[in-house]
Amino acid sequence: QAVLAESGGGSVQAGGSLRLSCPADGRTFALLDGSWYRQAPGKEREFVASINRFGGGILYEDSVKGRFSISRDDAKEAVYLQINNLKLAGAAIYFCKLHKTTFPAVECWGRGTQVTVSS
């Protein structure tokens, strides 16, 4: 299974911002929806945000609404997650997923990018 290469993670102070990137791996990006998930130490991986292949249908997990913004650039074949006003609880490994459920189904994950938050 192909693995995506997220980037943009790092260490920031609470209240800071980061922009995570997820480039497609040569797949037909325009056919794929994009999502971001995160996993904090000792916790299950949780949904953060998603965007469909048309750039619409945007969904956010409740705790990130108003602070996180998901977007995509079909010319650059990448999905992004802009993180603003980062809270301590936002420290996690952030994973990208490119996917489609119509035949043939595709689900491709990245290895994750670490986001560390300090007070």
C-alpha atoms as a PDB file:
ATOM      1  CA  GLN A   1       0.000   0.000   0.000  1.00  0.00           C
ATOM      2  CA  ALA A   2       1.449   3.356  -1.010  1.00  0.00           C
ATOM      3  CA  VAL A   3       2.264   5.761   1.792  1.00  0.00           C
ATOM      4  CA  LEU A   4       1.853   9.495   1.586  1.00  0.00           C
ATOM      5  CA  ALA A   5       4.462  11.922   2.919  1.00  0.00           C
ATOM      6  CA  GLU A   6       2.953  14.575   5.136  1.00  0.00           C
ATOM      7  CA  SER A   7       5.032  17.582   6.135  1.00  0.00           C
ATOM      8  CA  GLY A   8       4.728  20.795   8.103  1.00  0.00           C
ATOM      9  CA  GLY A   9       4.639  19.460  11.635  1.00  0.00           C
ATOM     10  CA  GLY A  10       6.827  20.898  14.338  1.00  0.00           C
ATOM     11  CA  SER A  11       6.986  22.388  17.798  1.00  0.00           C
ATOM     12  CA  VAL A  12       4.937  25.480  18.556  1.00  0.00           C
ATOM     13  CA  GLN A  13       3.717  27.316  21.589  1.00  0.00           C
ATOM     14  CA  ALA A  14       0.038  27.205  22.495  1.00  0.00           C
ATOM     15  CA  GLY A  15      -1.758  29.725  20.329  1.00  0.00           C
ATOM     16  CA  GLY A  16       0.642  29.224  17.453  1.00  0.00           C
ATOM     17  CA  SER A  17      -0.001  28.130  13.883  1.00  0.00           C
ATOM     18  CA  LEU A  18       1.186  25.436  11.505  1.00  0.00           C
ATOM     19  CA  ARG A  19       0.332  24.429   7.959  1.00  0.00           C
ATOM     20  CA  LEU A  20       0.411  20.728   7.206  1.00  0.00           C
ATOM     21  CA  SER A  21       0.799  19.486   3.663  1.00  0.00           C
ATOM     22  CA  CYS A  22      -0.073  16.182   2.051  1.00  0.00           C
ATOM     23  CA  PRO A  23       1.071  15.737  -1.547  1.00  0.00           C
ATOM     24  CA  ALA A  24      -0.436  12.977  -3.619  1.00  0.00           C
ATOM     25  CA  ASP A  25       1.914  10.175  -4.552  1.00  0.00           C
ATOM     26  CA  GLY A  26       1.300  10.234  -8.273  1.00  0.00           C
ATOM     27  CA  ARG A  27      -2.260   8.965  -8.003  1.00  0.00           C
ATOM     28  CA  THR A  28      -5.123  10.612  -9.873  1.00  0.00           C
ATOM     29  CA  PHE A  29      -5.531  13.295  -7.248  1.00  0.00           C
ATOM     30  CA  ALA A  30      -8.610  14.894  -8.793  1.00  0.00           C
ATOM     31  CA  LEU A  31     -10.640  11.730  -8.111  1.00  0.00           C
ATOM     32  CA  LEU A  32      -9.762  11.545  -4.431  1.00  0.00           C
ATOM     33  CA  ASP A  33     -11.276  12.995  -1.295  1.00  0.00           C
ATOM     34  CA  GLY A  34      -8.841  14.156   1.376  1.00  0.00           C
ATOM     35  CA  SER A  35      -8.950  13.846   5.156  1.00  0.00           C
ATOM     36  CA  TRP A  36      -6.805  14.585   8.178  1.00  0.00           C
ATOM     37  CA  TYR A  37      -6.731  12.530  11.350  1.00  0.00           C
ATOM     38  CA  ARG A  38      -4.641  12.795  14.504  1.00  0.00           C
ATOM     39  CA  GLN A  39      -3.499  10.471  17.225  1.00  0.00           C
ATOM     40  CA  ALA A  40      -2.337  11.670  20.620  1.00  0.00           C
ATOM     41  CA  PRO A  41      -0.217   9.412  22.865  1.00  0.00           C
ATOM     42  CA  GLY A  42      -2.319   6.695  24.451  1.00  0.00           C
ATOM     43  CA  LYS A  43      -5.424   7.627  22.454  1.00  0.00           C
ATOM     44  CA  GLU A  44      -7.259   6.333  19.412  1.00  0.00           C
ATOM     45  CA  ARG A  45      -6.762   7.968  16.043  1.00  0.00           C
ATOM     46  CA  GLU A  46      -9.512  10.544  15.575  1.00  0.00           C
ATOM     47  CA  PHE A  47     -11.011  12.389  12.635  1.00  0.00           C
ATOM     48  CA  VAL A  48     -10.043  16.050  12.267  1.00  0.00           C
ATOM     49  CA  ALA A  49     -11.289  17.311   8.897  1.00  0.00           C
ATOM     50  CA  SER A  50     -12.236  16.232   5.392  1.00  0.00           C
ATOM     51  CA  ILE A  51     -12.781  17.747   1.958  1.00  0.00           C
ATOM     52  CA  ASN A  52     -14.251  16.087  -1.114  1.00  0.00           C
ATOM     53  CA  ARG A  53     -12.676  15.883  -4.544  1.00  0.00           C
ATOM     54  CA  PHE A  54     -14.605  18.957  -5.682  1.00  0.00           C
ATOM     55  CA  GLY A  55     -13.227  21.080  -2.853  1.00  0.00           C
ATOM     56  CA  GLY A  56     -16.549  21.080  -1.008  1.00  0.00           C
ATOM     57  CA  GLY A  57     -18.333  18.942   1.558  1.00  0.00           C
ATOM     58  CA  ILE A  58     -15.928  20.203   4.216  1.00  0.00           C
ATOM     59  CA  LEU A  59     -16.339  18.685   7.664  1.00  0.00           C
ATOM     60  CA  TYR A  60     -14.532  19.369  10.936  1.00  0.00           C
ATOM     61  CA  GLU A  61     -14.359  17.697  14.298  1.00  0.00           C
ATOM     62  CA  ASP A  62     -16.173  19.947  16.738  1.00  0.00           C
ATOM     63  CA  SER A  63     -13.156  20.961  18.831  1.00  0.00           C
ATOM     64  CA  VAL A  64     -11.235  22.347  15.838  1.00  0.00           C
ATOM     65  CA  LYS A  65     -14.039  24.321  14.192  1.00  0.00           C
ATOM     66  CA  GLY A  66     -13.064  27.943  13.719  1.00  0.00           C
ATOM     67  CA  ARG A  67      -9.353  27.209  14.227  1.00  0.00           C
ATOM     68  CA  PHE A  68      -8.458  24.598  11.597  1.00  0.00           C
ATOM     69  CA  SER A  69      -8.987  24.935   7.873  1.00  0.00           C
ATOM     70  CA  ILE A  70      -8.704  22.148   5.293  1.00  0.00           C
ATOM     71  CA  SER A  71      -8.077  22.945   1.650  1.00  0.00           C
ATOM     72  CA  ARG A  72      -6.788  21.382  -1.530  1.00  0.00           C
ATOM     73  CA  ASP A  73      -4.848  22.564  -4.562  1.00  0.00           C
ATOM     74  CA  ASP A  74      -5.494  20.387  -7.599  1.00  0.00           C
ATOM     75  CA  ALA A  75      -2.720  22.081  -9.572  1.00  0.00           C
ATOM     76  CA  LYS A  76      -0.198  21.123  -6.891  1.00  0.00           C
ATOM     77  CA  GLU A  77      -2.019  17.859  -6.134  1.00  0.00           C
ATOM     78  CA  ALA A  78      -1.980  18.348  -2.412  1.00  0.00           C
ATOM     79  CA  VAL A  79      -4.266  18.636   0.582  1.00  0.00           C
ATOM     80  CA  TYR A  80      -3.494  21.087   3.370  1.00  0.00           C
ATOM     81  CA  LEU A  81      -4.484  21.642   6.966  1.00  0.00           C
ATOM     82  CA  GLN A  82      -4.028  25.141   8.346  1.00  0.00           C
ATOM     83  CA  ILE A  83      -3.906  24.983  12.129  1.00  0.00           C
ATOM     84  CA  ASN A  84      -4.416  28.229  14.045  1.00  0.00           C
ATOM     85  CA  ASN A  85      -4.641  28.948  17.771  1.00  0.00           C
ATOM     86  CA  LEU A  86      -3.166  25.563  18.545  1.00  0.00           C
ATOM     87  CA  LYS A  87      -4.103  24.230  21.975  1.00  0.00           C
ATOM     88  CA  LEU A  88      -2.145  21.857  24.209  1.00  0.00           C
ATOM     89  CA  ALA A  89      -4.721  19.164  23.432  1.00  0.00           C
ATOM     90  CA  GLY A  90      -3.798  19.466  19.754  1.00  0.00           C
ATOM     91  CA  ALA A  91      -0.427  17.809  20.275  1.00  0.00           C
ATOM     92  CA  ALA A  92      -0.490  14.601  18.249  1.00  0.00           C
ATOM     93  CA  ILE A  93       0.737  12.873  15.154  1.00  0.00           C
ATOM     94  CA  TYR A  94      -1.330  14.150  12.240  1.00  0.00           C
ATOM     95  CA  PHE A  95      -2.106  11.752   9.404  1.00  0.00           C
ATOM     96  CA  CYS A  96      -3.363  12.428   5.909  1.00  0.00           C
ATOM     97  CA  LYS A  97      -5.694  10.100   4.011  1.00  0.00           C
ATOM     98  CA  LEU A  98      -6.578  10.258   0.330  1.00  0.00           C
ATOM     99  CA  HIS A  99      -9.539   8.081  -0.521  1.00  0.00           C
ATOM    100  CA  LYS A 100     -12.561   7.265  -2.606  1.00  0.00           C
ATOM    101  CA  THR A 101     -15.336   4.787  -1.993  1.00  0.00           C
ATOM    102  CA  THR A 102     -16.544   4.346  -5.564  1.00  0.00           C
ATOM    103  CA  PHE A 103     -15.121   1.401  -7.496  1.00  0.00           C
ATOM    104  CA  PRO A 104     -12.227   0.884  -7.467  1.00  0.00           C
ATOM    105  CA  ALA A 105     -12.022   1.970  -3.847  1.00  0.00           C
ATOM    106  CA  VAL A 106      -8.838   3.686  -2.723  1.00  0.00           C
ATOM    107  CA  GLU A 107      -7.540   4.415   0.754  1.00  0.00           C
ATOM    108  CA  CYS A 108      -4.030   5.704   1.108  1.00  0.00           C
ATOM    109  CA  TRP A 109      -2.498   6.899   4.389  1.00  0.00           C
ATOM    110  CA  GLY A 110       0.597   8.816   5.277  1.00  0.00           C
ATOM    111  CA  ARG A 111       3.112   7.993   7.991  1.00  0.00           C
ATOM    112  CA  GLY A 112       2.170  11.121   9.903  1.00  0.00           C
ATOM    113  CA  THR A 113       3.771  14.368  10.954  1.00  0.00           C
ATOM    114  CA  GLN A 114       4.377  15.224  14.594  1.00  0.00           C
ATOM    115  CA  VAL A 115       2.848  18.341  16.129  1.00  0.00           C
ATOM    116  CA  THR A 116       4.170  19.302  19.564  1.00  0.00           C
ATOM    117  CA  VAL A 117       2.623  22.085  21.619  1.00  0.00           C
ATOM    118  CA  SER A 118       4.248  23.805  24.591  1.00  0.00           C
ATOM    119  CA  SER A 119       2.703  26.135  27.121  1.00  0.00           C
END
